Amino acid sequence: YADDTFTRVLKSCLKVGGIVSEEQPGIIHVDHSQRGEGRGYGKYMVCIDPLDGSSNVDVNISVGTIFGIHRRKSPLTEPAAPSDFLQPASDLVAAGYVLYGSSTMLVYSTGGGVNGFTFDPSIGEFFLSHPNMQFPAEEKVYSVNDARISNTDPAVHAFLADCRERGMTARYTGALVADFHRNLIQGGIYLYPGSYDNPEGKLRMLYEAQPLAFLAKQAGGATWCHHHDLLDIAPTTLHQRTPLFTGHPSSIARLRAMMVASAHPIPEPAGMKVLR
């Protein structure tokens, strides 16, 4: 339902020329030439995870939607090409998420900072409630699925031990967007590392990691995979996966220092295209 709804609405927008969704195998082309307005394809490409944390629906825990928007590289007169979507996160023109919880919030950036808007159901409008969102100075929270890290870099285990020694609190919901939002508000880091037998990790580059990396940067944070700043990586496939460490800049810096010094680093995933 979520995928169908977002696809239908996005296809009605004249600015959209193509859509890729975590729920669909390929590009959804958006052709406006039959609308009687002399238009072809829109100039913006939308990458979307329609329902992040869907396993939480049955237990009534927060879920969300994550999106990133690229400016197309192919001509407006032609259908969208994979290269229109396979761009680094640093080239996004906008990114954001919608969090469906005790209230509904839209958090997004167009490259000039991050702003949060809360939905007022009484009049059906979003109001600016969190202007200029930034990671706070203090690090309070770390978010990780502890059951999935037994076969990862020992540096990750050392970092988590350091977090506990610092008095940081563990909070993990199973919904990336909810955990990222909490860490942005309270100050923290989200970790989903790769493993020795699965170095590419679990999360999707286009639909989850890239939009949040863009937002984290705009909010004064940072995002890395195991070996590189995620903003500097260009995906090579539409459904490419990646390890993800995103959040408070101090937390990321401490983790990176430990991983650089690791005697047993996770191998770099195959097909990794690093631009810088």
C-alpha atoms as a PDB file:
ATOM      1  CA  TYR A   1       0.000   0.000   0.000  1.00  0.00           C
ATOM      2  CA  ALA A   2       2.743   2.500   0.953  1.00  0.00           C
ATOM      3  CA  ASP A   3       4.709   1.793  -2.235  1.00  0.00           C
ATOM      4  CA  ASP A   4       1.614   2.084  -4.428  1.00  0.00           C
ATOM      5  CA  THR A   5       0.551   5.331  -2.766  1.00  0.00           C
ATOM      6  CA  PHE A   6       3.898   7.082  -3.090  1.00  0.00           C
ATOM      7  CA  THR A   7       4.322   5.872  -6.676  1.00  0.00           C
ATOM      8  CA  ARG A   8       0.888   7.165  -7.678  1.00  0.00           C
ATOM      9  CA  VAL A   9       1.468  10.587  -6.088  1.00  0.00           C
ATOM     10  CA  LEU A  10       5.009  10.982  -7.431  1.00  0.00           C
ATOM     11  CA  LYS A  11       3.933  10.025 -10.965  1.00  0.00           C
ATOM     12  CA  SER A  12       1.430  12.900 -10.891  1.00  0.00           C
ATOM     13  CA  CYS A  13       4.221  15.447 -10.260  1.00  0.00           C
ATOM     14  CA  LEU A  14       5.532  17.102 -13.426  1.00  0.00           C
ATOM     15  CA  LYS A  15       8.971  17.566 -11.883  1.00  0.00           C
ATOM     16  CA  VAL A  16       9.515  13.821 -11.444  1.00  0.00           C
ATOM     17  CA  GLY A  17      11.094  11.910 -14.312  1.00  0.00           C
ATOM     18  CA  GLY A  18      11.783   8.580 -12.660  1.00  0.00           C
ATOM     19  CA  ILE A  19      11.394   6.645  -9.426  1.00  0.00           C
ATOM     20  CA  VAL A  20      13.294   3.782  -7.850  1.00  0.00           C
ATOM     21  CA  SER A  21      11.830   2.071  -4.814  1.00  0.00           C
ATOM     22  CA  GLU A  22      13.190  -0.493  -2.392  1.00  0.00           C
ATOM     23  CA  GLU A  23      10.032  -2.465  -3.180  1.00  0.00           C
ATOM     24  CA  GLN A  24      10.462  -2.515  -6.977  1.00  0.00           C
ATOM     25  CA  PRO A  25      13.078  -4.329  -9.098  1.00  0.00           C
ATOM     26  CA  GLY A  26      13.794  -1.516 -11.561  1.00  0.00           C
ATOM     27  CA  ILE A  27      13.154   2.055 -12.660  1.00  0.00           C
ATOM     28  CA  ILE A  28       9.604   3.391 -12.757  1.00  0.00           C
ATOM     29  CA  HIS A  29       9.555   5.769 -15.737  1.00  0.00           C
ATOM     30  CA  VAL A  30       7.355   8.855 -15.480  1.00  0.00           C
ATOM     31  CA  ASP A  31       6.316  10.148 -18.909  1.00  0.00           C
ATOM     32  CA  HIS A  32       4.336  13.389 -18.960  1.00  0.00           C
ATOM     33  CA  SER A  33       4.148  13.698 -22.763  1.00  0.00           C
ATOM     34  CA  GLN A  34       0.534  12.477 -22.879  1.00  0.00           C
ATOM     35  CA  ARG A  35      -0.724  15.175 -20.520  1.00  0.00           C
ATOM     36  CA  GLY A  36      -1.240  17.705 -23.307  1.00  0.00           C
ATOM     37  CA  GLU A  37       1.330  20.142 -21.972  1.00  0.00           C
ATOM     38  CA  GLY A  38       4.186  19.442 -24.364  1.00  0.00           C
ATOM     39  CA  ARG A  39       6.252  17.859 -21.603  1.00  0.00           C
ATOM     40  CA  GLY A  40       8.453  14.791 -21.629  1.00  0.00           C
ATOM     41  CA  TYR A  41      10.147  13.495 -18.536  1.00  0.00           C
ATOM     42  CA  GLY A  42      10.747  15.499 -15.360  1.00  0.00           C
ATOM     43  CA  LYS A  43      14.248  16.507 -14.258  1.00  0.00           C
ATOM     44  CA  TYR A  44      14.252  14.972 -10.782  1.00  0.00           C
ATOM     45  CA  MET A  45      14.864  11.344  -9.839  1.00  0.00           C
ATOM     46  CA  VAL A  46      13.333  10.024  -6.599  1.00  0.00           C
ATOM     47  CA  CYS A  47      14.828   7.177  -4.560  1.00  0.00           C
ATOM     48  CA  ILE A  48      12.448   5.980  -1.845  1.00  0.00           C
ATOM     49  CA  ASP A  49      12.008   3.442   0.913  1.00  0.00           C
ATOM     50  CA  PRO A  50       8.209   3.670   1.257  1.00  0.00           C
ATOM     51  CA  LEU A  51       7.934   1.911   4.619  1.00  0.00           C
ATOM     52  CA  ASP A  52      11.109   1.650   6.647  1.00  0.00           C
ATOM     53  CA  GLY A  53      10.812  -0.617   9.688  1.00  0.00           C
ATOM     54  CA  SER A  54       7.828  -2.499   8.259  1.00  0.00           C
ATOM     55  CA  SER A  55       8.363  -5.381  10.716  1.00  0.00           C
ATOM     56  CA  ASN A  56       7.249  -2.944  13.447  1.00  0.00           C
ATOM     57  CA  VAL A  57       3.768  -2.469  12.000  1.00  0.00           C
ATOM     58  CA  ASP A  58       2.284  -5.529  13.705  1.00  0.00           C
ATOM     59  CA  VAL A  59       3.505  -4.376  17.127  1.00  0.00           C
ATOM     60  CA  ASN A  60       2.570  -0.691  16.705  1.00  0.00           C
ATOM     61  CA  ILE A  61       6.110   0.737  16.919  1.00  0.00           C
ATOM     62  CA  SER A  62       7.228   3.753  14.873  1.00  0.00           C
ATOM     63  CA  VAL A  63       7.924   3.315  11.164  1.00  0.00           C
ATOM     64  CA  GLY A  64       8.820   5.819   8.475  1.00  0.00           C
ATOM     65  CA  THR A  65       9.548   6.757   4.883  1.00  0.00           C
ATOM     66  CA  ILE A  66      13.017   7.725   3.617  1.00  0.00           C
ATOM     67  CA  PHE A  67      13.678   9.536   0.334  1.00  0.00           C
ATOM     68  CA  GLY A  68      16.466  11.104  -1.687  1.00  0.00           C
ATOM     69  CA  ILE A  69      16.198  13.269  -4.808  1.00  0.00           C
ATOM     70  CA  HIS A  70      18.820  13.550  -7.574  1.00  0.00           C
ATOM     71  CA  ARG A  71      18.897  15.858 -10.580  1.00  0.00           C
ATOM     72  CA  ARG A  72      18.886  13.732 -13.721  1.00  0.00           C
ATOM     73  CA  LYS A  73      21.898  13.478 -16.018  1.00  0.00           C
ATOM     74  CA  SER A  74      20.157  12.111 -19.116  1.00  0.00           C
ATOM     75  CA  PRO A  75      18.202  14.350 -21.562  1.00  0.00           C
ATOM     76  CA  LEU A  76      14.672  15.351 -20.519  1.00  0.00           C
ATOM     77  CA  THR A  77      13.339  13.856 -23.746  1.00  0.00           C
ATOM     78  CA  GLU A  78      14.483  10.343 -22.856  1.00  0.00           C
ATOM     79  CA  PRO A  79      13.403   7.831 -20.191  1.00  0.00           C
ATOM     80  CA  ALA A  80      15.472   7.827 -17.010  1.00  0.00           C
ATOM     81  CA  ALA A  81      18.693   5.813 -17.133  1.00  0.00           C
ATOM     82  CA  PRO A  82      20.399   3.965 -14.254  1.00  0.00           C
ATOM     83  CA  SER A  83      23.123   6.642 -14.244  1.00  0.00           C
ATOM     84  CA  ASP A  84      20.484   9.190 -13.193  1.00  0.00           C
ATOM     85  CA  PHE A  85      20.162   7.345  -9.885  1.00  0.00           C
ATOM     86  CA  LEU A  86      23.656   5.929  -9.413  1.00  0.00           C
ATOM     87  CA  GLN A  87      25.131   9.163  -8.092  1.00  0.00           C
ATOM     88  CA  PRO A  88      26.952   9.824  -4.801  1.00  0.00           C
ATOM     89  CA  ALA A  89      25.036  11.138  -1.809  1.00  0.00           C
ATOM     90  CA  SER A  90      27.016  14.382  -2.069  1.00  0.00           C
ATOM     91  CA  ASP A  91      25.136  15.074  -5.331  1.00  0.00           C
ATOM     92  CA  LEU A  92      21.653  14.805  -3.825  1.00  0.00           C
ATOM     93  CA  VAL A  93      19.594  17.974  -4.213  1.00  0.00           C
ATOM     94  CA  ALA A  94      17.266  17.010  -1.352  1.00  0.00           C
ATOM     95  CA  ALA A  95      16.690  14.208   1.117  1.00  0.00           C
ATOM     96  CA  GLY A  96      14.497  13.523   4.083  1.00  0.00           C
ATOM     97  CA  TYR A  97      12.209  11.207   5.953  1.00  0.00           C
ATOM     98  CA  VAL A  98       8.714  11.034   7.381  1.00  0.00           C
ATOM     99  CA  LEU A  99       8.374   9.499  10.834  1.00  0.00           C
ATOM    100  CA  TYR A 100       5.019   7.980  11.786  1.00  0.00           C
ATOM    101  CA  GLY A 101       4.905   7.827  15.583  1.00  0.00           C
ATOM    102  CA  SER A 102       3.070   9.616  18.380  1.00  0.00           C
ATOM    103  CA  SER A 103       3.014  12.472  15.875  1.00  0.00           C
ATOM    104  CA  THR A 104       3.852  12.560  12.174  1.00  0.00           C
ATOM    105  CA  MET A 105       7.016  14.478  11.326  1.00  0.00           C
ATOM    106  CA  LEU A 106       8.656  15.452   8.049  1.00  0.00           C
ATOM    107  CA  VAL A 107      12.393  16.100   8.351  1.00  0.00           C
ATOM    108  CA  TYR A 108      14.245  17.209   5.233  1.00  0.00           C
ATOM    109  CA  SER A 109      17.078  19.230   3.753  1.00  0.00           C
ATOM    110  CA  THR A 110      17.789  20.833   0.401  1.00  0.00           C
ATOM    111  CA  GLY A 111      21.413  21.472   1.307  1.00  0.00           C
ATOM    112  CA  GLY A 112      20.932  24.488   3.543  1.00  0.00           C
ATOM    113  CA  GLY A 113      20.439  22.821   6.914  1.00  0.00           C
ATOM    114  CA  VAL A 114      17.843  20.421   8.290  1.00  0.00           C
ATOM    115  CA  ASN A 115      14.321  21.399   9.326  1.00  0.00           C
ATOM    116  CA  GLY A 116      11.579  19.350  10.970  1.00  0.00           C
ATOM    117  CA  PHE A 117       7.855  19.827  10.450  1.00  0.00           C
ATOM    118  CA  THR A 118       5.081  18.308  12.582  1.00  0.00           C
ATOM    119  CA  PHE A 119       1.711  17.422  11.084  1.00  0.00           C
ATOM    120  CA  ASP A 120      -1.352  19.066  12.611  1.00  0.00           C
ATOM    121  CA  PRO A 121      -4.247  16.712  11.783  1.00  0.00           C
ATOM    122  CA  SER A 122      -6.868  19.284  12.775  1.00  0.00           C
ATOM    123  CA  ILE A 123      -6.117  21.377   9.672  1.00  0.00           C
ATOM    124  CA  GLY A 124      -4.111  18.912   7.568  1.00  0.00           C
ATOM    125  CA  GLU A 125      -0.883  20.943   7.434  1.00  0.00           C
ATOM    126  CA  PHE A 126       2.759  20.523   8.455  1.00  0.00           C
ATOM    127  CA  PHE A 127       4.161  23.264  10.698  1.00  0.00           C
ATOM    128  CA  LEU A 128       7.826  24.073  11.286  1.00  0.00           C
ATOM    129  CA  SER A 129       8.489  22.668  14.759  1.00  0.00           C
ATOM    130  CA  HIS A 130      12.224  21.901  14.691  1.00  0.00           C
ATOM    131  CA  PRO A 131      14.151  24.618  12.803  1.00  0.00           C
ATOM    132  CA  ASN A 132      17.839  24.170  11.983  1.00  0.00           C
ATOM    133  CA  MET A 133      18.213  20.715  13.502  1.00  0.00           C
ATOM    134  CA  GLN A 134      21.748  19.868  14.641  1.00  0.00           C
ATOM    135  CA  PHE A 135      23.288  16.999  16.559  1.00  0.00           C
ATOM    136  CA  PRO A 136      23.650  18.206  20.187  1.00  0.00           C
ATOM    137  CA  ALA A 137      27.079  18.501  21.759  1.00  0.00           C
ATOM    138  CA  GLU A 138      26.578  15.558  24.114  1.00  0.00           C
ATOM    139  CA  GLU A 139      26.637  11.912  22.994  1.00  0.00           C
ATOM    140  CA  LYS A 140      23.868  10.012  24.796  1.00  0.00           C
ATOM    141  CA  VAL A 141      22.658   7.089  22.672  1.00  0.00           C
ATOM    142  CA  TYR A 142      23.986   4.266  20.522  1.00  0.00           C
ATOM    143  CA  SER A 143      21.722   2.139  18.319  1.00  0.00           C
ATOM    144  CA  VAL A 144      22.784  -1.329  17.186  1.00  0.00           C
ATOM    145  CA  ASN A 145      21.257  -4.772  16.731  1.00  0.00           C
ATOM    146  CA  ASP A 146      23.470  -6.608  19.201  1.00  0.00           C
ATOM    147  CA  ALA A 147      22.436 -10.002  17.835  1.00  0.00           C
ATOM    148  CA  ARG A 148      23.958  -9.244  14.415  1.00  0.00           C
ATOM    149  CA  ILE A 149      27.509  -8.215  15.294  1.00  0.00           C
ATOM    150  CA  SER A 150      29.186 -11.415  16.520  1.00  0.00           C
ATOM    151  CA  ASN A 151      31.075 -11.827  13.222  1.00  0.00           C
ATOM    152  CA  THR A 152      32.140  -8.242  12.619  1.00  0.00           C
ATOM    153  CA  ASP A 153      35.314  -6.209  13.146  1.00  0.00           C
ATOM    154  CA  PRO A 154      36.514  -6.405  16.792  1.00  0.00           C
ATOM    155  CA  ALA A 155      36.850  -2.626  16.613  1.00  0.00           C
ATOM    156  CA  VAL A 156      33.044  -2.380  16.619  1.00  0.00           C
ATOM    157  CA  HIS A 157      32.890  -4.401  19.848  1.00  0.00           C
ATOM    158  CA  ALA A 158      35.585  -2.192  21.387  1.00  0.00           C
ATOM    159  CA  PHE A 159      33.646   0.911  20.385  1.00  0.00           C
ATOM    160  CA  LEU A 160      30.440  -0.381  21.961  1.00  0.00           C
ATOM    161  CA  ALA A 161      32.311  -1.176  25.179  1.00  0.00           C
ATOM    162  CA  ASP A 162      33.638   2.386  25.135  1.00  0.00           C
ATOM    163  CA  CYS A 163      30.096   3.723  24.665  1.00  0.00           C
ATOM    164  CA  ARG A 164      28.939   1.800  27.732  1.00  0.00           C
ATOM    165  CA  GLU A 165      31.882   3.054  29.762  1.00  0.00           C
ATOM    166  CA  ARG A 166      30.929   6.607  28.808  1.00  0.00           C
ATOM    167  CA  GLY A 167      27.429   6.033  30.174  1.00  0.00           C
ATOM    168  CA  MET A 168      25.707   6.101  26.772  1.00  0.00           C
ATOM    169  CA  THR A 169      22.330   4.352  26.557  1.00  0.00           C
ATOM    170  CA  ALA A 170      21.485   1.592  24.075  1.00  0.00           C
ATOM    171  CA  ARG A 171      18.286   2.200  22.104  1.00  0.00           C
ATOM    172  CA  TYR A 172      17.253   0.149  19.048  1.00  0.00           C
ATOM    173  CA  THR A 173      13.761  -0.095  17.520  1.00  0.00           C
ATOM    174  CA  GLY A 174      14.382  -2.033  14.310  1.00  0.00           C
ATOM    175  CA  ALA A 175      13.338   1.023  12.271  1.00  0.00           C
ATOM    176  CA  LEU A 176      16.355   2.916  10.921  1.00  0.00           C
ATOM    177  CA  VAL A 177      14.408   6.143  10.507  1.00  0.00           C
ATOM    178  CA  ALA A 178      13.168   6.095  14.128  1.00  0.00           C
ATOM    179  CA  ASP A 179      16.636   5.360  15.524  1.00  0.00           C
ATOM    180  CA  PHE A 180      18.254   8.039  13.354  1.00  0.00           C
ATOM    181  CA  HIS A 181      15.650  10.579  14.476  1.00  0.00           C
ATOM    182  CA  ARG A 182      16.205   9.841  18.155  1.00  0.00           C
ATOM    183  CA  ASN A 183      19.966  10.111  17.740  1.00  0.00           C
ATOM    184  CA  LEU A 184      19.596  13.418  15.897  1.00  0.00           C
ATOM    185  CA  ILE A 185      17.443  14.823  18.699  1.00  0.00           C
ATOM    186  CA  GLN A 186      19.326  13.371  21.675  1.00  0.00           C
ATOM    187  CA  GLY A 187      22.850  12.927  20.273  1.00  0.00           C
ATOM    188  CA  GLY A 188      23.963   9.493  19.218  1.00  0.00           C
ATOM    189  CA  ILE A 189      25.171   7.028  16.606  1.00  0.00           C
ATOM    190  CA  TYR A 190      23.501   4.281  14.569  1.00  0.00           C
ATOM    191  CA  LEU A 191      25.560   1.219  13.621  1.00  0.00           C
ATOM    192  CA  TYR A 192      24.812  -1.582  11.171  1.00  0.00           C
ATOM    193  CA  PRO A 193      28.209  -3.076  10.262  1.00  0.00           C
ATOM    194  CA  GLY A 194      29.036  -5.672   7.679  1.00  0.00           C
ATOM    195  CA  SER A 195      30.516  -9.016   8.659  1.00  0.00           C
ATOM    196  CA  TYR A 196      33.373 -11.177   7.415  1.00  0.00           C
ATOM    197  CA  ASP A 197      30.957 -13.389   5.470  1.00  0.00           C
ATOM    198  CA  ASN A 198      28.713 -10.489   4.396  1.00  0.00           C
ATOM    199  CA  PRO A 199      30.908  -7.358   4.072  1.00  0.00           C
ATOM    200  CA  GLU A 200      28.282  -5.397   2.137  1.00  0.00           C
ATOM    201  CA  GLY A 201      25.958  -5.303   5.146  1.00  0.00           C
ATOM    202  CA  LYS A 202      22.173  -5.134   4.991  1.00  0.00           C
ATOM    203  CA  LEU A 203      20.953  -1.590   4.340  1.00  0.00           C
ATOM    204  CA  ARG A 204      20.234  -0.234   0.856  1.00  0.00           C
ATOM    205  CA  MET A 205      22.530   2.479  -0.411  1.00  0.00           C
ATOM    206  CA  LEU A 206      20.026   4.454  -2.500  1.00  0.00           C
ATOM    207  CA  TYR A 207      16.925   4.219  -0.345  1.00  0.00           C
ATOM    208  CA  GLU A 208      18.287   4.342   3.204  1.00  0.00           C
ATOM    209  CA  ALA A 209      21.998   5.111   3.585  1.00  0.00           C
ATOM    210  CA  GLN A 210      22.425   7.958   1.080  1.00  0.00           C
ATOM    211  CA  PRO A 211      19.475  10.125   2.212  1.00  0.00           C
ATOM    212  CA  LEU A 212      20.447   9.803   5.875  1.00  0.00           C
ATOM    213  CA  ALA A 213      24.121  10.499   5.089  1.00  0.00           C
ATOM    214  CA  PHE A 214      23.040  13.727   3.373  1.00  0.00           C
ATOM    215  CA  LEU A 215      20.876  14.718   6.352  1.00  0.00           C
ATOM    216  CA  ALA A 216      23.572  13.819   8.891  1.00  0.00           C
ATOM    217  CA  LYS A 217      26.087  16.027   7.096  1.00  0.00           C
ATOM    218  CA  GLN A 218      23.652  18.941   7.008  1.00  0.00           C
ATOM    219  CA  ALA A 219      22.980  18.473  10.736  1.00  0.00           C
ATOM    220  CA  GLY A 220      26.676  18.546  11.654  1.00  0.00           C
ATOM    221  CA  GLY A 221      27.096  14.763  11.766  1.00  0.00           C
ATOM    222  CA  ALA A 222      28.936  12.209   9.671  1.00  0.00           C
ATOM    223  CA  THR A 223      28.322   8.878   7.922  1.00  0.00           C
ATOM    224  CA  TRP A 224      30.766   6.115   7.034  1.00  0.00           C
ATOM    225  CA  CYS A 225      30.743   2.585   5.793  1.00  0.00           C
ATOM    226  CA  HIS A 226      33.708   0.526   7.019  1.00  0.00           C
ATOM    227  CA  HIS A 227      36.426   2.304   5.044  1.00  0.00           C
ATOM    228  CA  HIS A 228      35.023   5.432   3.390  1.00  0.00           C
ATOM    229  CA  ASP A 229      32.888   8.512   3.914  1.00  0.00           C
ATOM    230  CA  LEU A 230      29.555   7.386   2.487  1.00  0.00           C
ATOM    231  CA  LEU A 231      29.046  10.756   0.781  1.00  0.00           C
ATOM    232  CA  ASP A 232      31.954   9.886  -1.536  1.00  0.00           C
ATOM    233  CA  ILE A 233      30.622   6.528  -2.767  1.00  0.00           C
ATOM    234  CA  ALA A 234      28.722   6.150  -6.046  1.00  0.00           C
ATOM    235  CA  PRO A 235      26.443   3.081  -6.136  1.00  0.00           C
ATOM    236  CA  THR A 236      26.945   0.659  -9.016  1.00  0.00           C
ATOM    237  CA  THR A 237      23.530  -1.083  -8.820  1.00  0.00           C
ATOM    238  CA  LEU A 238      20.068   0.128  -7.864  1.00  0.00           C
ATOM    239  CA  HIS A 239      19.735  -2.232  -4.900  1.00  0.00           C
ATOM    240  CA  GLN A 240      23.324  -2.127  -3.659  1.00  0.00           C
ATOM    241  CA  ARG A 241      23.763  -2.700   0.068  1.00  0.00           C
ATOM    242  CA  THR A 242      26.206  -1.067   2.438  1.00  0.00           C
ATOM    243  CA  PRO A 243      27.390  -1.093   6.039  1.00  0.00           C
ATOM    244  CA  LEU A 244      26.256   2.049   7.826  1.00  0.00           C
ATOM    245  CA  PHE A 245      27.609   4.141  10.694  1.00  0.00           C
ATOM    246  CA  THR A 246      25.826   7.460  10.970  1.00  0.00           C
ATOM    247  CA  GLY A 247      25.261  10.140  13.585  1.00  0.00           C
ATOM    248  CA  HIS A 248      27.148  12.296  16.066  1.00  0.00           C
ATOM    249  CA  PRO A 249      30.510  13.460  14.633  1.00  0.00           C
ATOM    250  CA  SER A 250      32.443  12.672  17.829  1.00  0.00           C
ATOM    251  CA  SER A 251      31.049   9.147  17.959  1.00  0.00           C
ATOM    252  CA  ILE A 252      31.910   8.569  14.309  1.00  0.00           C
ATOM    253  CA  ALA A 253      35.439   9.909  14.834  1.00  0.00           C
ATOM    254  CA  ARG A 254      36.054   7.570  17.783  1.00  0.00           C
ATOM    255  CA  LEU A 255      34.712   4.584  15.866  1.00  0.00           C
ATOM    256  CA  ARG A 256      36.781   5.442  12.797  1.00  0.00           C
ATOM    257  CA  ALA A 257      39.980   5.691  14.846  1.00  0.00           C
ATOM    258  CA  MET A 258      39.361   2.227  16.282  1.00  0.00           C
ATOM    259  CA  MET A 259      38.551   0.727  12.883  1.00  0.00           C
ATOM    260  CA  VAL A 260      41.631   2.213  11.216  1.00  0.00           C
ATOM    261  CA  ALA A 261      43.778   0.596  13.918  1.00  0.00           C
ATOM    262  CA  SER A 262      41.971  -2.758  13.653  1.00  0.00           C
ATOM    263  CA  ALA A 263      44.143  -5.818  13.090  1.00  0.00           C
ATOM    264  CA  HIS A 264      41.232  -7.676  11.439  1.00  0.00           C
ATOM    265  CA  PRO A 265      39.256  -5.203   9.292  1.00  0.00           C
ATOM    266  CA  ILE A 266      36.204  -6.242   7.303  1.00  0.00           C
ATOM    267  CA  PRO A 267      37.110  -6.600   3.581  1.00  0.00           C
ATOM    268  CA  GLU A 268      35.850  -3.884   1.281  1.00  0.00           C
ATOM    269  CA  PRO A 269      32.658  -5.011  -0.489  1.00  0.00           C
ATOM    270  CA  ALA A 270      32.972  -5.937  -4.152  1.00  0.00           C
ATOM    271  CA  GLY A 271      31.923  -3.234  -6.600  1.00  0.00           C
ATOM    272  CA  MET A 272      32.618  -0.326  -4.246  1.00  0.00           C
ATOM    273  CA  LYS A 273      33.105   2.830  -6.354  1.00  0.00           C
ATOM    274  CA  VAL A 274      34.846   5.517  -4.311  1.00  0.00           C
ATOM    275  CA  LEU A 275      35.080   8.959  -5.912  1.00  0.00           C
ATOM    276  CA  ARG A 276      37.377  10.696  -3.431  1.00  0.00           C
END
